Amino acid sequence: MREVNPFVEWIVKIAQPCNLACDYCYVYELRDRTWRHKPAVMANETADQLARRIAEHARRHALPTVRVVLHGGEPLLAGPARVEHFLEVLNQELRGTADCDISVQSNVTLLNPSWMDLFRRHGVTVGVSLDGSREANDRHRRARNGRSSYDSVQRGLELLRRPENKALFTGLLCTVDIANPPLQVYEALLAEGPRAIDFLLPHATWEHPPPGHDPHRTPYANWLLEVFERWYTAPRQKTTRIRLFENLMDLALGGHVRSESTGLGDTDFLVVESDGTIELSDSLKATRNGAAATGVDIFAHDFDTVARHPVVVDARRGGLEALADVCRDCEVVRLCGGGLRAHRFDPRNGFANPSVYCADLRVLTTRIRDRVLADVPARLRSAS
């Protein structure tokens, strides 16, 4: 039987709906409609089975640590009792087997002191989705009635910054909009005091390209490089980590990263929906209806069986063999890794294409690589 490359991270859709209506949302606003047939929240029985499956996988592969991300929709819509039940059973199942790094990715509009008490008891860290200042954030991230979500997010962030909660605030997730001035966005995010910032390209495909797309222009690279230069040349600001930049720097220096959007490593995570069905990366929902589905679930299948499933094997595969021919000979392929799989999609030939952001990725990776490599001798001299 083929050896299994274990999973170490599970993204858990503990709540399916969301209280915002972000117009770029890959779950509700793009091509996928499978969410309509899923339970609004994960039943306790489903949560119990998931906890057993994760612990079983951790024991089988002697994993020292597993990661669990509570996700949605908006995960806080599951309610404190349901979330705490899952946290308790997960810790109980993993006791003596593996440590569990638990986080929640939230818009924090529903965050309150009771939630923070629960998160402190269970060591749950919190990542927050925010696109910058009020103007930048409200371009896309509005409530279902069309009103601004910014003040509600700010109340949640103020709660996270309190001394008793600060250690649980891990960072901000920002989707790039080239209509927003990059340095203004960056400064607005820094002002919230995050430990890390993740910049995401808006999900797009060759069928549905991103705003401002032109194969001869690189607006997204230009936007990100403005932020990179400010971050890279201001040592104090580097105490705020930016995963995209750090990954590309590590790769440029010969390192290895495991990421969906950079490098050539295999992926090591799964998505578990509110009904216990197992899915691939949520980003695939930007391509077509049902694109993330695998046809397997936590009741009938253990995670080793899932890892051997042909659909999962194909989706997890890193390396050059997973890429379009034109990508394999590219000088920056070991940095960009062909880009996010969803961004390669074209209905005419599936994923056998370069990324719709190919031109941007080439410029972004080349500039960061050259900047970092040119700086290596100076760093070595200063160290000696």
Protein backbone atom coordinates (compact mmCIF):
# COMPACT_ATOMS: atom_id res chain seq x y z
CA MET A 1 0.00 0.00 0.00
CA ARG A 2 1.29 3.45 -0.94
CA GLU A 3 2.90 5.40 1.89
CA VAL A 4 0.80 8.35 3.04
CA ASN A 5 2.03 11.91 3.36
CA PRO A 6 0.04 12.93 6.48
CA PHE A 7 -2.10 15.99 6.91
CA VAL A 8 -1.21 18.35 9.74
CA GLU A 9 -3.88 21.02 9.38
CA TRP A 10 -7.68 20.94 9.25
CA ILE A 11 -9.82 23.93 8.27
CA VAL A 12 -13.14 23.31 9.98
CA LYS A 13 -16.36 24.94 8.74
CA ILE A 14 -17.98 25.04 12.14
CA ALA A 15 -20.51 27.58 10.79
CA GLN A 16 -21.56 27.78 7.16
CA PRO A 17 -23.23 31.22 6.82
CA CYS A 18 -21.67 34.66 7.21
CA ASN A 19 -23.04 37.94 8.56
CA LEU A 20 -21.10 39.98 5.96
CA ALA A 21 -21.54 39.99 2.18
CA CYS A 22 -18.00 40.60 0.87
CA ASP A 23 -18.32 40.87 -2.89
CA TYR A 24 -15.11 38.90 -3.57
CA CYS A 25 -15.99 36.00 -1.27
CA TYR A 26 -15.04 32.67 -2.88
CA VAL A 27 -17.66 30.77 -0.86
CA TYR A 28 -20.80 32.78 -1.59
CA GLU A 29 -20.12 35.27 -4.36
CA LEU A 30 -18.14 33.42 -7.02
CA ARG A 31 -18.81 30.15 -8.89
CA ASP A 32 -19.64 27.61 -6.18
CA ARG A 33 -23.16 27.01 -4.84
CA THR A 34 -22.68 23.84 -2.79
CA TRP A 35 -22.97 25.82 0.46
CA ARG A 36 -26.72 26.01 -0.10
CA HIS A 37 -27.05 22.31 0.72
CA LYS A 38 -24.93 22.24 3.87
CA PRO A 39 -26.04 22.60 7.51
CA ALA A 40 -25.78 26.11 8.91
CA VAL A 41 -23.64 24.82 11.81
CA MET A 42 -21.66 21.67 12.52
CA ALA A 43 -23.59 19.25 14.72
CA ASN A 44 -21.89 18.09 17.92
CA GLU A 45 -21.92 14.51 16.63
CA THR A 46 -20.03 15.61 13.52
CA ALA A 47 -17.55 17.55 15.65
CA ASP A 48 -17.01 14.46 17.84
CA GLN A 49 -16.30 12.29 14.82
CA LEU A 50 -13.89 14.85 13.38
CA ALA A 51 -11.98 15.03 16.66
CA ARG A 52 -11.68 11.22 16.68
CA ARG A 53 -10.44 11.18 13.09
CA ILE A 54 -7.82 13.88 13.72
CA ALA A 55 -6.53 12.05 16.82
CA GLU A 56 -6.46 8.75 14.92
CA HIS A 57 -4.38 10.36 12.16
CA ALA A 58 -2.03 11.99 14.66
CA ARG A 59 -1.42 8.66 16.44
CA ARG A 60 -0.90 6.76 13.21
CA HIS A 61 1.75 9.19 12.00
CA ALA A 62 3.22 10.19 15.38
CA LEU A 63 2.47 13.85 14.73
CA PRO A 64 3.78 16.03 17.57
CA THR A 65 1.44 18.91 16.70
CA VAL A 66 -1.69 19.37 14.62
CA ARG A 67 -3.31 22.62 13.54
CA VAL A 68 -7.04 23.28 13.53
CA VAL A 69 -8.55 26.46 12.09
CA LEU A 70 -12.17 27.28 12.91
CA HIS A 71 -13.60 28.82 9.77
CA GLY A 72 -16.80 29.58 7.92
CA GLY A 73 -18.63 31.65 6.74
CA GLU A 74 -18.21 33.39 10.04
CA PRO A 75 -17.26 30.80 12.69
CA LEU A 76 -18.62 32.84 15.62
CA LEU A 77 -22.12 32.27 14.22
CA ALA A 78 -21.81 28.70 15.56
CA GLY A 79 -22.23 30.11 19.08
CA PRO A 80 -20.01 29.68 22.16
CA ALA A 81 -21.56 26.40 23.39
CA ARG A 82 -21.02 24.57 20.11
CA VAL A 83 -17.49 25.91 19.68
CA GLU A 84 -16.53 25.04 23.24
CA HIS A 85 -17.92 21.53 22.84
CA PHE A 86 -15.66 20.95 19.84
CA LEU A 87 -12.62 22.40 21.59
CA GLU A 88 -13.16 20.20 24.64
CA VAL A 89 -13.65 16.98 22.69
CA LEU A 90 -10.69 17.77 20.43
CA ASN A 91 -8.38 18.33 23.39
CA GLN A 92 -9.71 15.20 25.07
CA GLU A 93 -9.11 13.03 21.98
CA LEU A 94 -5.61 14.43 21.42
CA ARG A 95 -4.49 14.26 25.05
CA GLY A 96 -1.27 12.26 25.27
CA THR A 97 -1.01 12.08 21.47
CA ALA A 98 -0.31 15.53 20.03
CA ASP A 99 -0.42 19.20 20.89
CA CYS A 100 -3.12 21.17 19.10
CA ASP A 101 -2.60 24.65 17.72
CA ILE A 102 -6.15 26.03 17.48
CA SER A 103 -7.05 29.28 15.77
CA VAL A 104 -10.14 31.03 14.46
CA GLN A 105 -10.33 33.17 11.32
CA SER A 106 -13.04 35.75 11.89
CA ASN A 107 -14.35 39.13 10.82
CA VAL A 108 -14.65 39.81 14.64
CA THR A 109 -17.86 41.82 14.23
CA LEU A 110 -19.47 39.43 16.76
CA LEU A 111 -16.51 39.24 19.14
CA ASN A 112 -17.29 40.07 22.78
CA PRO A 113 -15.73 39.50 26.24
CA SER A 114 -17.47 36.13 26.60
CA TRP A 115 -15.86 34.86 23.41
CA MET A 116 -12.47 36.09 24.63
CA ASP A 117 -12.92 34.28 27.96
CA LEU A 118 -13.59 31.07 26.01
CA PHE A 119 -10.57 31.61 23.74
CA ARG A 120 -8.27 32.29 26.71
CA ARG A 121 -9.43 29.11 28.46
CA HIS A 122 -8.63 27.01 25.41
CA GLY A 123 -5.66 28.92 24.01
CA VAL A 124 -7.42 29.79 20.76
CA THR A 125 -5.67 32.44 18.70
CA VAL A 126 -7.57 34.85 16.47
CA GLY A 127 -6.86 36.00 12.92
CA VAL A 128 -8.90 38.92 11.59
CA SER A 129 -9.99 39.76 8.04
CA LEU A 130 -9.50 43.47 7.30
CA ASP A 131 -8.63 45.28 4.07
CA GLY A 132 -7.19 48.49 5.50
CA SER A 133 -8.75 51.84 6.41
CA ARG A 134 -12.50 52.45 6.51
CA GLU A 135 -12.57 53.46 2.85
CA ALA A 136 -10.45 50.51 1.71
CA ASN A 137 -12.29 47.97 3.85
CA ASP A 138 -15.75 49.17 2.85
CA ARG A 139 -15.10 48.82 -0.87
CA HIS A 140 -15.85 45.11 -0.49
CA ARG A 141 -16.45 44.08 3.14
CA ARG A 142 -19.96 45.30 3.93
CA ALA A 143 -22.80 43.92 6.00
CA ARG A 144 -25.68 42.16 4.27
CA ASN A 145 -27.76 45.36 4.43
CA GLY A 146 -25.00 47.24 2.58
CA ARG A 147 -23.78 49.14 5.63
CA SER A 148 -20.17 49.52 6.64
CA SER A 149 -18.65 46.75 8.72
CA TYR A 150 -15.67 48.85 9.77
CA ASP A 151 -16.85 50.09 13.18
CA SER A 152 -17.90 46.60 14.23
CA VAL A 153 -14.50 45.23 13.21
CA GLN A 154 -12.77 48.01 15.12
CA ARG A 155 -14.68 47.08 18.29
CA GLY A 156 -13.46 43.52 17.91
CA LEU A 157 -9.88 44.65 17.33
CA GLU A 158 -9.97 46.92 20.39
CA LEU A 159 -11.01 43.91 22.46
CA LEU A 160 -8.17 41.82 21.01
CA ARG A 161 -5.63 44.52 21.85
CA ARG A 162 -6.49 44.53 25.56
CA PRO A 163 -3.56 43.33 27.69
CA GLU A 164 -5.31 40.12 28.76
CA ASN A 165 -6.11 39.21 25.11
CA LYS A 166 -3.17 40.58 23.17
CA ALA A 167 -1.25 37.29 23.07
CA LEU A 168 -4.16 35.67 21.19
CA PHE A 169 -4.23 38.24 18.36
CA THR A 170 -2.14 36.63 15.64
CA GLY A 171 -2.66 38.88 12.66
CA LEU A 172 -4.63 40.34 9.78
CA LEU A 173 -5.73 38.90 6.45
CA CYS A 174 -6.00 41.49 3.67
CA THR A 175 -7.22 40.96 0.11
CA VAL A 176 -5.38 43.24 -2.30
CA ASP A 177 -7.40 45.80 -4.22
CA ILE A 178 -5.22 47.81 -6.59
CA ALA A 179 -7.70 50.72 -6.32
CA ASN A 180 -6.51 51.22 -2.73
CA PRO A 181 -3.15 53.01 -2.29
CA PRO A 182 -0.76 50.27 -1.09
CA LEU A 183 1.15 52.23 1.55
CA GLN A 184 -2.04 53.68 2.99
CA VAL A 185 -3.43 50.16 3.33
CA TYR A 186 -0.18 48.92 4.88
CA GLU A 187 -0.01 51.76 7.41
CA ALA A 188 -3.67 51.23 8.36
CA LEU A 189 -3.01 47.54 8.97
CA LEU A 190 0.15 48.24 10.97
CA ALA A 191 -1.79 50.64 13.17
CA GLU A 192 -3.90 47.71 14.42
CA GLY A 193 -0.80 46.15 16.03
CA PRO A 194 -0.83 42.71 14.34
CA ARG A 195 1.99 40.21 14.72
CA ALA A 196 1.54 39.19 11.09
CA ILE A 197 -0.15 40.37 7.91
CA ASP A 198 -1.21 38.09 5.07
CA PHE A 199 -1.79 39.70 1.69
CA LEU A 200 -3.99 37.68 -0.66
CA LEU A 201 -4.54 38.19 -4.36
CA PRO A 202 -8.27 38.30 -5.18
CA HIS A 203 -9.40 34.92 -6.44
CA ALA A 204 -9.61 34.93 -10.21
CA THR A 205 -9.25 32.58 -13.19
CA TRP A 206 -8.62 32.87 -16.93
CA GLU A 207 -12.39 32.72 -17.40
CA HIS A 208 -12.99 35.43 -14.80
CA PRO A 209 -9.77 37.50 -14.60
CA PRO A 210 -9.05 39.93 -11.76
CA PRO A 211 -9.82 43.66 -11.91
CA GLY A 212 -7.27 45.53 -13.99
CA HIS A 213 -5.98 42.34 -15.64
CA ASP A 214 -3.72 42.87 -18.64
CA PRO A 215 -1.09 40.25 -19.57
CA HIS A 216 1.32 43.06 -20.44
CA ARG A 217 0.95 44.95 -17.15
CA THR A 218 1.74 43.99 -13.56
CA PRO A 219 -0.48 46.11 -11.28
CA TYR A 220 -0.60 43.52 -8.46
CA ALA A 221 3.17 43.07 -8.40
CA ASN A 222 3.64 46.85 -8.39
CA TRP A 223 1.19 47.19 -5.49
CA LEU A 224 2.86 44.48 -3.41
CA LEU A 225 6.38 45.68 -4.19
CA GLU A 226 5.60 49.13 -2.78
CA VAL A 227 4.65 47.46 0.48
CA PHE A 228 7.66 45.13 0.31
CA GLU A 229 10.13 48.01 -0.02
CA ARG A 230 8.61 49.84 2.95
CA TRP A 231 8.62 46.67 5.06
CA TYR A 232 12.06 45.45 3.98
CA THR A 233 13.85 48.75 4.53
CA ALA A 234 12.26 49.51 7.91
CA PRO A 235 13.76 46.99 10.40
CA ARG A 236 11.30 47.85 13.14
CA GLN A 237 8.40 47.05 10.84
CA LYS A 238 9.81 43.57 10.23
CA THR A 239 8.64 42.65 13.71
CA THR A 240 5.30 42.40 11.87
CA ARG A 241 5.65 39.31 9.72
CA ILE A 242 4.34 39.27 6.14
CA ARG A 243 4.09 35.65 5.14
CA LEU A 244 4.16 36.16 1.37
CA PHE A 245 7.37 38.18 1.51
CA GLU A 246 9.04 35.89 4.06
CA ASN A 247 8.21 32.81 2.01
CA LEU A 248 9.67 34.31 -1.15
CA MET A 249 12.79 35.43 0.71
CA ASP A 250 13.27 31.95 2.19
CA LEU A 251 12.87 30.35 -1.22
CA ALA A 252 15.28 32.82 -2.82
CA LEU A 253 17.89 31.80 -0.24
CA GLY A 254 17.43 28.10 -1.00
CA GLY A 255 14.92 27.28 1.71
CA HIS A 256 11.73 25.23 1.54
CA VAL A 257 8.23 26.39 2.39
CA ARG A 258 4.91 24.59 2.43
CA SER A 259 2.36 26.95 0.95
CA GLU A 260 -0.50 26.89 -1.53
CA SER A 261 0.69 30.01 -3.31
CA THR A 262 4.50 29.89 -3.30
CA GLY A 263 7.12 27.21 -3.87
CA LEU A 264 6.75 23.64 -5.08
CA GLY A 265 5.92 21.83 -1.83
CA ASP A 266 2.90 19.54 -1.39
CA THR A 267 -0.02 20.90 0.61
CA ASP A 268 -0.69 19.44 4.06
CA PHE A 269 -4.24 20.53 4.91
CA LEU A 270 -7.86 19.58 4.34
CA VAL A 271 -11.18 21.38 4.65
CA VAL A 272 -13.98 19.71 6.63
CA GLU A 273 -17.42 21.12 5.90
CA SER A 274 -20.26 21.55 8.39
CA ASP A 275 -21.79 18.20 7.33
CA GLY A 276 -18.52 16.29 7.71
CA THR A 277 -17.74 16.11 4.00
CA ILE A 278 -14.08 16.58 3.13
CA GLU A 279 -13.08 19.19 0.58
CA LEU A 280 -10.01 20.61 -1.07
CA SER A 281 -8.87 24.21 -0.73
CA ASP A 282 -11.68 26.76 -0.56
CA SER A 283 -9.95 28.80 -3.26
CA LEU A 284 -11.07 26.20 -5.82
CA LYS A 285 -14.64 27.41 -5.30
CA ALA A 286 -13.66 30.38 -7.46
CA THR A 287 -13.34 28.07 -10.49
CA ARG A 288 -16.63 26.18 -10.89
CA ASN A 289 -19.49 24.74 -8.88
CA GLY A 290 -18.38 21.75 -6.80
CA ALA A 291 -14.70 22.13 -7.69
CA ALA A 292 -13.54 21.56 -4.09
CA ALA A 293 -15.60 18.40 -3.52
CA THR A 294 -13.88 15.03 -3.05
CA GLY A 295 -16.82 12.66 -2.52
CA VAL A 296 -15.46 11.44 0.84
CA ASP A 297 -16.40 12.25 4.42
CA ILE A 298 -15.23 11.78 8.00
CA PHE A 299 -17.87 9.15 8.82
CA ALA A 300 -16.96 6.63 6.13
CA HIS A 301 -13.27 7.42 5.60
CA ASP A 302 -10.20 7.89 7.77
CA PHE A 303 -7.65 10.48 6.72
CA ASP A 304 -5.18 7.92 5.34
CA THR A 305 -7.89 6.75 2.96
CA VAL A 306 -8.56 10.37 2.05
CA ALA A 307 -4.85 10.95 1.39
CA ARG A 308 -4.86 8.10 -1.16
CA HIS A 309 -7.98 9.32 -2.95
CA PRO A 310 -7.02 10.23 -6.55
CA VAL A 311 -8.71 13.65 -6.43
CA VAL A 312 -6.86 14.52 -3.22
CA VAL A 313 -3.53 13.15 -4.49
CA ASP A 314 -3.81 15.26 -7.63
CA ALA A 315 -4.73 18.43 -5.74
CA ARG A 316 -1.97 18.06 -3.12
CA ARG A 317 0.76 17.38 -5.61
CA GLY A 318 3.62 19.84 -5.65
CA GLY A 319 6.66 19.72 -7.91
CA LEU A 320 7.11 20.59 -11.54
CA GLU A 321 5.03 17.67 -12.81
CA ALA A 322 1.87 19.37 -11.53
CA LEU A 323 2.45 22.47 -13.67
CA ALA A 324 1.83 23.55 -17.25
CA ASP A 325 4.68 22.97 -19.69
CA VAL A 326 5.34 26.69 -20.00
CA CYS A 327 5.86 26.94 -16.24
CA ARG A 328 8.37 24.11 -15.92
CA ASP A 329 11.12 25.98 -17.76
CA CYS A 330 10.46 29.34 -16.14
CA GLU A 331 13.34 30.84 -14.14
CA VAL A 332 11.13 31.74 -11.18
CA VAL A 333 9.00 28.59 -10.96
CA ARG A 334 10.73 27.43 -7.76
CA LEU A 335 9.67 30.70 -6.15
CA CYS A 336 6.11 31.18 -7.41
CA GLY A 337 5.36 27.45 -7.76
CA GLY A 338 3.02 28.28 -10.62
CA GLY A 339 0.86 30.34 -8.29
CA LEU A 340 -2.30 29.25 -6.52
CA ARG A 341 -3.90 26.27 -8.27
CA ALA A 342 -7.29 27.98 -8.57
CA HIS A 343 -5.71 30.91 -10.39
CA ARG A 344 -4.52 28.58 -13.19
CA PHE A 345 -8.03 27.47 -14.10
CA ASP A 346 -9.48 27.76 -17.59
CA PRO A 347 -12.68 25.83 -18.43
CA ARG A 348 -11.12 24.73 -21.73
CA ASN A 349 -8.28 22.73 -20.16
CA GLY A 350 -8.64 22.80 -16.37
CA PHE A 351 -5.50 23.69 -14.42
CA ALA A 352 -2.88 23.05 -17.12
CA ASN A 353 -2.06 26.74 -17.41
CA PRO A 354 0.15 29.38 -15.87
CA SER A 355 -1.51 31.55 -13.26
CA VAL A 356 -3.78 34.35 -14.44
CA TYR A 357 -1.37 36.42 -12.31
CA CYS A 358 1.67 35.01 -14.15
CA ALA A 359 3.11 38.37 -15.23
CA ASP A 360 2.65 39.78 -11.73
CA LEU A 361 4.23 36.74 -10.09
CA ARG A 362 7.24 36.88 -12.40
CA VAL A 363 7.94 40.52 -11.54
CA LEU A 364 7.19 40.11 -7.82
CA THR A 365 9.38 37.04 -7.34
CA THR A 366 12.24 38.34 -9.48
CA ARG A 367 12.42 41.68 -7.69
CA ILE A 368 12.27 40.15 -4.22
CA ARG A 369 14.82 37.48 -5.14
CA ASP A 370 17.25 40.02 -6.60
CA ARG A 371 16.76 42.41 -3.68
CA VAL A 372 17.45 39.72 -1.10
CA LEU A 373 20.42 38.13 -2.90
CA ALA A 374 22.06 41.51 -3.45
CA ASP A 375 21.78 42.16 0.27
CA VAL A 376 23.33 38.85 1.39
CA PRO A 377 27.02 39.95 1.19
CA ALA A 378 26.29 43.11 3.15
CA ARG A 379 24.50 41.11 5.84
CA LEU A 380 27.39 38.66 6.05
CA ARG A 381 29.86 41.51 6.40
CA SER A 382 27.86 43.13 9.18
CA ALA A 383 27.57 39.78 10.97
CA SER A 384 31.31 39.30 10.94
